[in-house]
C-alpha atoms as a PDB file:
ATOM      1  CA  MET A   1      51.615 -37.805 -17.038  1.00  0.00           C
ATOM      2  CA  SER A   2      50.449 -40.119 -19.498  1.00  0.00           C
ATOM      3  CA  LYS A   3      48.756 -38.936 -22.864  1.00  0.00           C
ATOM      4  CA  ASN A   4      45.288 -40.265 -22.191  1.00  0.00           C
ATOM      5  CA  SER A   5      45.367 -38.345 -18.826  1.00  0.00           C
ATOM      6  CA  LEU A   6      46.365 -35.327 -20.361  1.00  0.00           C
ATOM      7  CA  ILE A   7      43.942 -35.470 -22.921  1.00  0.00           C
ATOM      8  CA  LYS A   8      40.989 -36.308 -20.397  1.00  0.00           C
ATOM      9  CA  ILE A   9      41.929 -33.266 -18.401  1.00  0.00           C
ATOM     10  CA  LEU A  10      41.846 -30.940 -21.678  1.00  0.00           C
ATOM     11  CA  PHE A  11      38.871 -32.387 -22.446  1.00  0.00           C
ATOM     12  CA  VAL A  12      36.969 -31.892 -19.197  1.00  0.00           C
ATOM     13  CA  ALA A  13      38.656 -28.452 -19.315  1.00  0.00           C
ATOM     14  CA  CYS A  14      37.191 -27.541 -22.291  1.00  0.00           C
ATOM     15  CA  ALA A  15      33.853 -28.749 -21.629  1.00  0.00           C
ATOM     16  CA  ALA A  16      34.003 -26.404 -18.594  1.00  0.00           C
ATOM     17  CA  TYR A  17      34.908 -23.502 -20.429  1.00  0.00           C
ATOM     18  CA  ALA A  18      31.954 -24.172 -22.851  1.00  0.00           C
ATOM     19  CA  PHE A  19      29.395 -24.055 -20.296  1.00  0.00           C
ATOM     20  CA  LEU A  20      30.784 -20.757 -19.084  1.00  0.00           C
ATOM     21  CA  GLY A  21      29.542 -19.524 -22.428  1.00  0.00           C
ATOM     22  CA  CYS A  22      33.214 -19.327 -23.336  1.00  0.00           C
ATOM     23  CA  ASP A  23      34.265 -15.949 -21.927  1.00  0.00           C
ATOM     24  CA  ARG A  24      37.559 -14.858 -21.557  1.00  0.00           C
ATOM     25  CA  ALA A  25      37.818 -15.105 -18.063  1.00  0.00           C
ATOM     26  CA  ALA A  26      35.932 -18.140 -15.994  1.00  0.00           C
ATOM     27  CA  LYS A  27      33.367 -16.665 -13.661  1.00  0.00           C
ATOM     28  CA  PRO A  28      34.296 -17.257  -9.688  1.00  0.00           C
ATOM     29  CA  LYS A  29      32.111 -19.591  -8.442  1.00  0.00           C
ATOM     30  CA  GLU A  30      29.021 -18.061  -6.442  1.00  0.00           C
ATOM     31  CA  ALA A  31      30.173 -18.725  -2.466  1.00  0.00           C
ATOM     32  CA  GLU A  32      28.310 -20.702  -0.380  1.00  0.00           C
ATOM     33  CA  ASP A  33      27.775 -21.334   3.077  1.00  0.00           C
ATOM     34  CA  HIS A  34      27.006 -25.107   4.301  1.00  0.00           C
ATOM     35  CA  TYR A  35      24.884 -25.960   7.893  1.00  0.00           C
ATOM     36  CA  GLU A  36      25.074 -29.380   8.952  1.00  0.00           C
ATOM     37  CA  THR A  37      22.279 -30.093  10.736  1.00  0.00           C
ATOM     38  CA  ARG A  38      19.308 -32.576  11.931  1.00  0.00           C
ATOM     39  CA  GLY A  39      15.574 -32.911  11.724  1.00  0.00           C
ATOM     40  CA  ILE A  40      11.896 -34.942  11.447  1.00  0.00           C
ATOM     41  CA  VAL A  41      10.432 -35.341   8.335  1.00  0.00           C
ATOM     42  CA  ARG A  42       7.044 -34.095   8.249  1.00  0.00           C
ATOM     43  CA  GLY A  43       5.804 -34.017   4.528  1.00  0.00           C
ATOM     44  CA  PHE A  44       6.932 -34.712   0.595  1.00  0.00           C
ATOM     45  CA  SER A  45       5.580 -32.468  -2.853  1.00  0.00           C
ATOM     46  CA  PRO A  46       3.815 -34.803  -4.746  1.00  0.00           C
ATOM     47  CA  ASP A  47       6.681 -35.210  -7.454  1.00  0.00           C
ATOM     48  CA  ARG A  48       9.724 -35.629  -4.250  1.00  0.00           C
ATOM     49  CA  GLN A  49      11.498 -32.996  -5.370  1.00  0.00           C
ATOM     50  CA  THR A  50      10.584 -31.309  -2.065  1.00  0.00           C
ATOM     51  CA  ILE A  51      10.752 -32.579   1.403  1.00  0.00           C
ATOM     52  CA  GLU A  52       9.038 -30.356   4.271  1.00  0.00           C
ATOM     53  CA  ILE A  53      11.969 -30.906   7.454  1.00  0.00           C
ATOM     54  CA  GLN A  54      10.793 -29.632  11.104  1.00  0.00           C
ATOM     55  CA  HIS A  55      14.840 -28.568  11.597  1.00  0.00           C
ATOM     56  CA  GLU A  56      16.862 -27.948  15.009  1.00  0.00           C
ATOM     57  CA  ASN A  57      17.780 -24.401  15.441  1.00  0.00           C
ATOM     58  CA  ILE A  58      20.626 -23.328  13.350  1.00  0.00           C
ATOM     59  CA  PRO A  59      23.292 -21.105  14.904  1.00  0.00           C
ATOM     60  CA  ASP A  60      23.931 -17.921  13.665  1.00  0.00           C
ATOM     61  CA  PHE A  61      21.525 -18.297  10.567  1.00  0.00           C
ATOM     62  CA  MET A  62      17.734 -19.371  11.235  1.00  0.00           C
ATOM     63  CA  PRO A  63      15.721 -20.628  14.690  1.00  0.00           C
ATOM     64  CA  SER A  64      14.098 -24.286  14.581  1.00  0.00           C
ATOM     65  CA  MET A  65      10.901 -24.342  12.234  1.00  0.00           C
ATOM     66  CA  THR A  66       9.222 -26.215   9.761  1.00  0.00           C
ATOM     67  CA  MET A  67       9.734 -25.395   6.194  1.00  0.00           C
ATOM     68  CA  PRO A  68       9.997 -26.852   2.653  1.00  0.00           C
ATOM     69  CA  PHE A  69      13.454 -27.838   1.331  1.00  0.00           C
ATOM     70  CA  VAL A  70      14.645 -28.637  -2.570  1.00  0.00           C
ATOM     71  CA  VAL A  71      17.141 -31.780  -2.649  1.00  0.00           C
ATOM     72  CA  HIS A  72      19.849 -31.836  -4.421  1.00  0.00           C
ATOM     73  CA  ASP A  73      19.571 -35.411  -5.684  1.00  0.00           C
ATOM     74  CA  PRO A  74      16.136 -36.776  -5.232  1.00  0.00           C
ATOM     75  CA  LYS A  75      17.473 -40.308  -4.881  1.00  0.00           C
ATOM     76  CA  GLU A  76      18.716 -38.971  -1.770  1.00  0.00           C
ATOM     77  CA  ILE A  77      15.248 -39.250  -0.047  1.00  0.00           C
ATOM     78  CA  ALA A  78      13.353 -41.824  -2.139  1.00  0.00           C
ATOM     79  CA  ASN A  79      13.347 -44.572   0.789  1.00  0.00           C
ATOM     80  CA  LEU A  80      12.252 -41.608   3.318  1.00  0.00           C
ATOM     81  CA  LYS A  81       8.918 -41.304   5.470  1.00  0.00           C
ATOM     82  CA  THR A  82       7.011 -38.843   6.978  1.00  0.00           C
ATOM     83  CA  GLY A  83       8.418 -39.166  10.411  1.00  0.00           C
ATOM     84  CA  ASN A  84      11.501 -40.075   9.609  1.00  0.00           C
ATOM     85  CA  ALA A  85      14.603 -38.651  11.483  1.00  0.00           C
ATOM     86  CA  ILE A  86      17.591 -37.246   9.522  1.00  0.00           C
ATOM     87  CA  SER A  87      20.859 -35.338   9.342  1.00  0.00           C
ATOM     88  CA  PHE A  88      21.749 -33.462   5.979  1.00  0.00           C
ATOM     89  CA  ARG A  89      23.515 -30.848   4.678  1.00  0.00           C
ATOM     90  CA  MET A  90      21.922 -27.479   3.913  1.00  0.00           C
ATOM     91  CA  THR A  91      24.051 -25.302   1.588  1.00  0.00           C
ATOM     92  CA  VAL A  92      23.115 -21.489   0.946  1.00  0.00           C
ATOM     93  CA  ALA A  93      24.497 -19.613  -1.902  1.00  0.00           C
ATOM     94  CA  LYS A  94      23.316 -16.148  -3.094  1.00  0.00           C
ATOM     95  CA  THR A  95      20.468 -16.829  -5.367  1.00  0.00           C
ATOM     96  CA  ASP A  96      20.082 -20.775  -4.355  1.00  0.00           C
ATOM     97  CA  PHE A  97      19.208 -23.212  -1.610  1.00  0.00           C
ATOM     98  CA  TRP A  98      19.085 -26.665  -1.120  1.00  0.00           C
ATOM     99  CA  ILE A  99      19.972 -29.618   0.866  1.00  0.00           C
ATOM    100  CA  ASP A 100      21.981 -32.998   0.489  1.00  0.00           C
ATOM    101  CA  HIS A 101      24.156 -35.702   2.659  1.00  0.00           C
ATOM    102  CA  VAL A 102      20.663 -37.011   3.420  1.00  0.00           C
ATOM    103  CA  LYS A 103      20.856 -39.744   5.897  1.00  0.00           C
ATOM    104  CA  LYS A 104      18.598 -41.509   8.415  1.00  0.00           C
ATOM    105  CA  ILE A 105      19.212 -41.090  12.245  1.00  0.00           C
ATOM    106  CA  SER A 106      17.524 -42.119  15.651  1.00  0.00           C
ATOM    107  CA  ARG A 107      14.721 -39.588  16.650  1.00  0.00           C
ATOM    108  CA  GLU A 108      16.385 -39.513  19.685  1.00  0.00           C
ATOM    109  CA  ASP A 109      19.221 -37.346  18.190  1.00  0.00           C
ATOM    110  CA  VAL A 110      17.107 -34.540  16.853  1.00  0.00           C
ATOM    111  CA  ASP A 111      16.459 -31.630  19.293  1.00  0.00           C
ATOM    112  CA  VAL A 112      13.252 -30.559  18.159  1.00  0.00           C
ATOM    113  CA  SER A 113       9.772 -30.998  19.776  1.00  0.00           C
ATOM    114  CA  GLU A 114       6.578 -32.286  18.384  1.00  0.00           C
ATOM    115  CA  PRO A 115       3.925 -29.496  16.930  1.00  0.00           C
ATOM    116  CA  LYS A 116       0.630 -30.151  17.809  1.00  0.00           C
ATOM    117  CA  PRO A 117      -1.777 -30.966  15.214  1.00  0.00           C
ATOM    118  CA  THR A 118      -2.050 -27.991  12.333  1.00  0.00           C
ATOM    119  CA  PRO A 119      -3.560 -28.042   9.066  1.00  0.00           C
ATOM    120  CA  SER A 120      -1.248 -27.901   5.725  1.00  0.00           C
ATOM    121  CA  ILE A 121      -2.525 -24.657   4.978  1.00  0.00           C
ATOM    122  CA  ALA A 122      -3.851 -21.537   7.048  1.00  0.00           C
ATOM    123  CA  PRO A 123      -7.640 -21.947   8.163  1.00  0.00           C
ATOM    124  CA  GLU A 124      -9.615 -20.778   4.918  1.00  0.00           C
ATOM    125  CA  MET A 125     -12.343 -18.412   5.160  1.00  0.00           C
ATOM    126  CA  GLY A 126     -14.820 -19.663   2.709  1.00  0.00           C
ATOM    127  CA  ALA A 127     -13.890 -21.132  -0.263  1.00  0.00           C
ATOM    128  CA  ARG A 128     -10.578 -21.130  -1.966  1.00  0.00           C
ATOM    129  CA  LEU A 129     -10.157 -18.797  -4.473  1.00  0.00           C
ATOM    130  CA  LYS A 130      -9.028 -19.901  -7.610  1.00  0.00           C
ATOM    131  CA  GLU A 131      -8.525 -18.124 -11.097  1.00  0.00           C
ATOM    132  CA  GLY A 132     -11.504 -16.466 -12.537  1.00  0.00           C
ATOM    133  CA  ASP A 133     -13.052 -15.217  -9.343  1.00  0.00           C
ATOM    134  CA  ASP A 134     -12.711 -11.178  -8.227  1.00  0.00           C
ATOM    135  CA  MET A 135      -9.768 -10.142  -6.090  1.00  0.00           C
ATOM    136  CA  PRO A 136     -11.111  -9.578  -2.311  1.00  0.00           C
ATOM    137  CA  GLN A 137     -11.259  -6.196  -1.147  1.00  0.00           C
ATOM    138  CA  PHE A 138      -8.171  -5.213   0.894  1.00  0.00           C
ATOM    139  CA  SER A 139      -7.019  -2.029   2.448  1.00  0.00           C
ATOM    140  CA  LEU A 140      -3.308  -1.582   3.131  1.00  0.00           C
ATOM    141  CA  THR A 141      -0.771   0.786   3.562  1.00  0.00           C
ATOM    142  CA  ASN A 142       2.047   1.590   0.731  1.00  0.00           C
ATOM    143  CA  GLN A 143       5.862   2.099   1.717  1.00  0.00           C
ATOM    144  CA  ASN A 144       4.989   5.709   1.724  1.00  0.00           C
ATOM    145  CA  GLY A 145       2.267   5.831   4.310  1.00  0.00           C
ATOM    146  CA  GLU A 146      -0.615   6.122   2.180  1.00  0.00           C
ATOM    147  CA  ARG A 147      -3.886   3.899   2.022  1.00  0.00           C
ATOM    148  CA  ILE A 148      -4.207   1.660  -0.910  1.00  0.00           C
ATOM    149  CA  THR A 149      -7.191  -0.363  -1.646  1.00  0.00           C
ATOM    150  CA  LEU A 150      -8.110  -2.621  -4.221  1.00  0.00           C
ATOM    151  CA  GLU A 151      -9.268   0.369  -6.527  1.00  0.00           C
ATOM    152  CA  ASN A 152      -5.930   2.133  -6.751  1.00  0.00           C
ATOM    153  CA  PHE A 153      -5.298  -0.469  -9.430  1.00  0.00           C
ATOM    154  CA  ARG A 154      -9.010  -0.666 -11.350  1.00  0.00           C
ATOM    155  CA  GLY A 155      -8.041  -0.247 -15.324  1.00  0.00           C
ATOM    156  CA  GLN A 156      -4.815  -1.817 -14.801  1.00  0.00           C
ATOM    157  CA  PRO A 157      -3.377  -5.309 -14.696  1.00  0.00           C
ATOM    158  CA  PHE A 158      -1.300  -5.868 -11.669  1.00  0.00           C
ATOM    159  CA  VAL A 159       0.874  -8.569  -9.827  1.00  0.00           C
ATOM    160  CA  PHE A 160       0.879  -8.964  -6.677  1.00  0.00           C
ATOM    161  CA  THR A 161       3.305 -11.665  -4.203  1.00  0.00           C
ATOM    162  CA  PHE A 162       3.983 -11.946  -0.422  1.00  0.00           C
ATOM    163  CA  VAL A 163       7.115 -11.771   0.807  1.00  0.00           C
ATOM    164  CA  PHE A 164       9.027 -10.238   4.248  1.00  0.00           C
ATOM    165  CA  THR A 165      12.091  -8.172   4.381  1.00  0.00           C
ATOM    166  CA  ARG A 166      13.756 -10.616   7.124  1.00  0.00           C
ATOM    167  CA  CYS A 167      13.192 -13.617   5.369  1.00  0.00           C
ATOM    168  CA  PRO A 168      16.941 -15.358   5.069  1.00  0.00           C
ATOM    169  CA  ILE A 169      16.297 -17.993   2.432  1.00  0.00           C
ATOM    170  CA  PRO A 170      17.517 -17.681  -1.076  1.00  0.00           C
ATOM    171  CA  ASN A 171      14.960 -19.186  -2.633  1.00  0.00           C
ATOM    172  CA  PHE A 172      11.941 -17.956  -1.035  1.00  0.00           C
ATOM    173  CA  CYS A 173      10.915 -13.873  -0.422  1.00  0.00           C
ATOM    174  CA  PRO A 174      14.163 -12.757  -2.387  1.00  0.00           C
ATOM    175  CA  ARG A 175      13.746 -15.097  -5.286  1.00  0.00           C
ATOM    176  CA  MET A 176      10.183 -13.375  -5.381  1.00  0.00           C
ATOM    177  CA  SER A 177      12.232  -9.832  -5.695  1.00  0.00           C
ATOM    178  CA  ASN A 178      14.286 -11.068  -7.623  1.00  0.00           C
ATOM    179  CA  ASN A 179      11.661 -12.101 -10.431  1.00  0.00           C
ATOM    180  CA  PHE A 180       9.671  -8.670  -9.510  1.00  0.00           C
ATOM    181  CA  ALA A 181      12.831  -6.745 -10.493  1.00  0.00           C
ATOM    182  CA  GLU A 182      12.876  -8.629 -13.965  1.00  0.00           C
ATOM    183  CA  LEU A 183       9.266  -8.221 -14.501  1.00  0.00           C
ATOM    184  CA  GLN A 184       9.801  -4.220 -13.399  1.00  0.00           C
ATOM    185  CA  SER A 185      12.498  -4.333 -16.345  1.00  0.00           C
ATOM    186  CA  ALA A 186      10.308  -5.759 -18.649  1.00  0.00           C
ATOM    187  CA  ILE A 187       7.517  -3.166 -18.225  1.00  0.00           C
ATOM    188  CA  GLY A 188       9.496  -0.376 -18.089  1.00  0.00           C
ATOM    189  CA  ALA A 189      11.051  -1.310 -21.412  1.00  0.00           C
ATOM    190  CA  ASP A 190       7.922  -1.973 -22.748  1.00  0.00           C
ATOM    191  CA  THR A 191       5.975  -0.310 -25.278  1.00  0.00           C
ATOM    192  CA  GLY A 192       3.152  -2.119 -25.243  1.00  0.00           C
ATOM    193  CA  VAL A 193       0.480  -3.921 -23.214  1.00  0.00           C
ATOM    194  CA  LEU A 194       2.974  -4.563 -20.451  1.00  0.00           C
ATOM    195  CA  THR A 195       3.170  -0.776 -19.517  1.00  0.00           C
ATOM    196  CA  LYS A 196       0.288  -0.692 -17.799  1.00  0.00           C
ATOM    197  CA  THR A 197       0.708  -3.528 -15.698  1.00  0.00           C
ATOM    198  CA  ARG A 198       1.768  -2.926 -12.016  1.00  0.00           C
ATOM    199  CA  LEU A 199       3.583  -5.207  -8.978  1.00  0.00           C
ATOM    200  CA  LEU A 200       2.466  -4.864  -5.336  1.00  0.00           C
ATOM    201  CA  SER A 201       4.292  -7.143  -2.878  1.00  0.00           C
ATOM    202  CA  ILE A 202       2.527  -7.706   0.289  1.00  0.00           C
ATOM    203  CA  THR A 203       4.654  -8.312   3.624  1.00  0.00           C
ATOM    204  CA  LEU A 204       3.985 -11.228   5.291  1.00  0.00           C
ATOM    205  CA  ASP A 205       5.333  -9.674   8.744  1.00  0.00           C
ATOM    206  CA  PRO A 206       3.426  -6.260   9.264  1.00  0.00           C
ATOM    207  CA  SER A 207       4.262  -6.308  13.183  1.00  0.00           C
ATOM    208  CA  PHE A 208       8.312  -5.297  11.709  1.00  0.00           C
ATOM    209  CA  ASP A 209       7.409  -4.237   7.930  1.00  0.00           C
ATOM    210  CA  THR A 210       6.518  -1.126   8.253  1.00  0.00           C
ATOM    211  CA  SER A 211       6.302   1.497   5.299  1.00  0.00           C
ATOM    212  CA  GLU A 212       9.376   2.746   6.390  1.00  0.00           C
ATOM    213  CA  ILE A 213      11.062  -0.558   6.180  1.00  0.00           C
ATOM    214  CA  LEU A 214       9.538  -1.566   3.102  1.00  0.00           C
ATOM    215  CA  LYS A 215      10.534   1.770   1.279  1.00  0.00           C
ATOM    216  CA  GLN A 216      14.238   0.325   1.957  1.00  0.00           C
ATOM    217  CA  TYR A 217      13.792  -2.849   1.138  1.00  0.00           C
ATOM    218  CA  GLY A 218      12.301  -1.492  -2.228  1.00  0.00           C
ATOM    219  CA  GLU A 219      15.087   0.665  -2.820  1.00  0.00           C
ATOM    220  CA  SER A 220      17.759  -1.801  -2.068  1.00  0.00           C
ATOM    221  CA  HIS A 221      15.918  -3.776  -4.918  1.00  0.00           C
ATOM    222  CA  GLY A 222      15.663  -1.010  -7.051  1.00  0.00           C
ATOM    223  CA  ALA A 223      12.342  -0.824  -7.193  1.00  0.00           C
ATOM    224  CA  ASP A 224      10.729   2.061  -9.281  1.00  0.00           C
ATOM    225  CA  PRO A 225       7.853   3.177  -6.935  1.00  0.00           C
ATOM    226  CA  LYS A 226       5.611   4.437 -10.571  1.00  0.00           C
ATOM    227  CA  ILE A 227       5.564   0.344 -11.261  1.00  0.00           C
ATOM    228  CA  TRP A 228       6.528  -1.663  -8.022  1.00  0.00           C
ATOM    229  CA  GLY A 229       4.996  -1.089  -4.596  1.00  0.00           C
ATOM    230  CA  PHE A 230       5.235  -2.861  -1.049  1.00  0.00           C
ATOM    231  CA  ALA A 231       2.064  -2.672   1.358  1.00  0.00           C
ATOM    232  CA  THR A 232       2.136  -3.772   4.920  1.00  0.00           C
ATOM    233  CA  GLY A 233      -1.378  -3.041   6.954  1.00  0.00           C
ATOM    234  CA  GLU A 234      -2.945  -4.507   9.951  1.00  0.00           C
ATOM    235  CA  GLU A 235      -2.467  -7.989  11.026  1.00  0.00           C
ATOM    236  CA  LYS A 236      -6.153  -8.640  10.191  1.00  0.00           C
ATOM    237  CA  GLU A 237      -5.816  -7.448   6.736  1.00  0.00           C
ATOM    238  CA  VAL A 238      -2.964  -9.144   5.803  1.00  0.00           C
ATOM    239  CA  GLU A 239      -4.365 -12.158   7.550  1.00  0.00           C
ATOM    240  CA  THR A 240      -7.546 -12.010   5.394  1.00  0.00           C
ATOM    241  CA  LEU A 241      -5.434 -12.244   2.169  1.00  0.00           C
ATOM    242  CA  THR A 242      -3.315 -14.647   3.202  1.00  0.00           C
ATOM    243  CA  ARG A 243      -6.244 -17.345   4.006  1.00  0.00           C
ATOM    244  CA  ALA A 244      -8.203 -15.977   0.998  1.00  0.00           C
ATOM    245  CA  PHE A 245      -5.345 -17.624  -1.342  1.00  0.00           C
ATOM    246  CA  SER A 246      -4.481 -20.497   1.157  1.00  0.00           C
ATOM    247  CA  VAL A 247      -1.209 -19.429   1.924  1.00  0.00           C
ATOM    248  CA  TYR A 248       0.061 -21.094   5.068  1.00  0.00           C
ATOM    249  CA  ARG A 249       1.852 -18.442   7.741  1.00  0.00           C
ATOM    250  CA  GLN A 250       3.195 -19.340  11.453  1.00  0.00           C
ATOM    251  CA  THR A 251       5.406 -17.251  13.128  1.00  0.00           C
ATOM    252  CA  GLU A 252       8.421 -20.009  14.592  1.00  0.00           C
ATOM    253  CA  GLY A 253      11.111 -19.091  16.772  1.00  0.00           C
ATOM    254  CA  GLY A 254      11.594 -15.340  16.093  1.00  0.00           C
ATOM    255  CA  THR A 255      10.447 -16.180  12.131  1.00  0.00           C
ATOM    256  CA  ILE A 256       7.907 -16.643   9.440  1.00  0.00           C
ATOM    257  CA  SER A 257       7.027 -20.471   8.082  1.00  0.00           C
ATOM    258  CA  HIS A 258       4.891 -19.621   5.115  1.00  0.00           C
ATOM    259  CA  GLY A 259       4.134 -20.562   1.784  1.00  0.00           C
ATOM    260  CA  LEU A 260       4.503 -18.953  -1.507  1.00  0.00           C
ATOM    261  CA  VAL A 261       1.857 -17.467  -4.097  1.00  0.00           C
ATOM    262  CA  THR A 262       1.903 -14.837  -6.689  1.00  0.00           C
ATOM    263  CA  ALA A 263      -1.003 -13.715  -8.704  1.00  0.00           C
ATOM    264  CA  LEU A 264      -1.831 -11.696 -12.104  1.00  0.00           C
ATOM    265  CA  ILE A 265      -5.397  -9.551 -11.572  1.00  0.00           C
ATOM    266  CA  ASP A 266      -6.892  -8.033 -14.444  1.00  0.00           C
ATOM    267  CA  LYS A 267      -7.916  -4.483 -14.822  1.00  0.00           C
ATOM    268  CA  ASN A 268     -11.293  -5.489 -13.609  1.00  0.00           C
ATOM    269  CA  GLY A 269     -10.148  -6.788 -10.391  1.00  0.00           C
ATOM    270  CA  LYS A 270     -10.258 -10.589 -11.882  1.00  0.00           C
ATOM    271  CA  ILE A 271      -7.825 -13.282 -10.771  1.00  0.00           C
ATOM    272  CA  GLU A 272      -6.375 -14.322 -14.042  1.00  0.00           C
ATOM    273  CA  ARG A 273      -3.496 -16.694 -13.113  1.00  0.00           C
ATOM    274  CA  ILE A 274      -2.296 -17.766  -9.709  1.00  0.00           C
ATOM    275  CA  TRP A 275       1.260 -19.313  -9.048  1.00  0.00           C
ATOM    276  CA  ARG A 276       1.988 -21.093  -6.043  1.00  0.00           C
ATOM    277  CA  GLY A 277       5.621 -22.152  -5.050  1.00  0.00           C
ATOM    278  CA  ASN A 278       8.994 -20.438  -5.975  1.00  0.00           C
ATOM    279  CA  MET A 279       9.306 -22.190  -9.151  1.00  0.00           C
ATOM    280  CA  TRP A 280       7.585 -19.694 -11.661  1.00  0.00           C
ATOM    281  CA  LYS A 281       9.840 -17.411 -13.963  1.00  0.00           C
ATOM    282  CA  PRO A 282       9.209 -13.931 -14.977  1.00  0.00           C
ATOM    283  CA  GLU A 283       8.527 -14.457 -18.985  1.00  0.00           C
ATOM    284  CA  GLU A 284       5.847 -16.900 -17.524  1.00  0.00           C
ATOM    285  CA  VAL A 285       3.820 -13.961 -15.905  1.00  0.00           C
ATOM    286  CA  ILE A 286       4.891 -11.797 -19.073  1.00  0.00           C
ATOM    287  CA  ASP A 287       3.394 -14.280 -21.367  1.00  0.00           C
ATOM    288  CA  GLU A 288       0.024 -14.115 -19.625  1.00  0.00           C
ATOM    289  CA  ILE A 289      -0.060 -10.505 -19.548  1.00  0.00           C
ATOM    290  CA  LYS A 290       0.227  -9.861 -23.111  1.00  0.00           C
ATOM    291  CA  GLN A 291      -2.183 -13.209 -23.902  1.00  0.00           C
ATOM    292  CA  HIS A 292      -4.496 -11.449 -22.001  1.00  0.00           C
ATOM    293  CA  GLY A 293      -3.905  -7.817 -22.201  1.00  0.00           C
ATOM    294  CA  ASP A 294      -5.874  -5.139 -24.658  1.00  0.00           C
END
């Protein structure tokens, strides 16, 4: 081996060591599962960082459905258009999920049916809620089988989000629940305005997510019921809330294709802040609560 080659190897090793935080023992790489699949492009986010794909059935992982995907390298989808047939590799890690190896293919090679025309979001009942509006009234059932309404949170701010316990995508419902676990830790450790804040995760799958299942789910995430609660209810109650917040929700192939919304409600029941999607960070929510706290 030449001297120059040895220097290059040492340089790369040192850079990797520094990136890992100079730990004495390098952390093991997070396990990843890879799935080769195909689908039809159904849309893009405005920044084209995310692509919506109607993908084929993925054996032993996920049935055929239409959902958004984060692209590892946006250049791979730069020339794609809605309606293109593509093949791609899906990578699923413990805390993340993305696609790469995106290639155009023939439509005849993709085994999905053409969907019936549907709106991009759930049909709205009235105007789409926005920041400053009143939080809609609701009547749900918590993880202990107790009825809860908006009045249970009167006088204290609360943050709520939508999840469902069978969601298999790491950066969808699992990320929301992991973020809520971080929020819970911050609330529990605080001695100021955060202490009164409560958290509520509302299921998108009320037919499966009973109070008992939500209780088990909460325990698996270390939820403290004094801070973080879970709620289910009648289908129409959940539907009313998802429509009010313009959350896309559709059952496909035994699972649920859905959007994500998280909102901060102030102590008077006003919508203080709405975060759409999965890119928000717990510290953003904490800063917002502190900014508007008494």
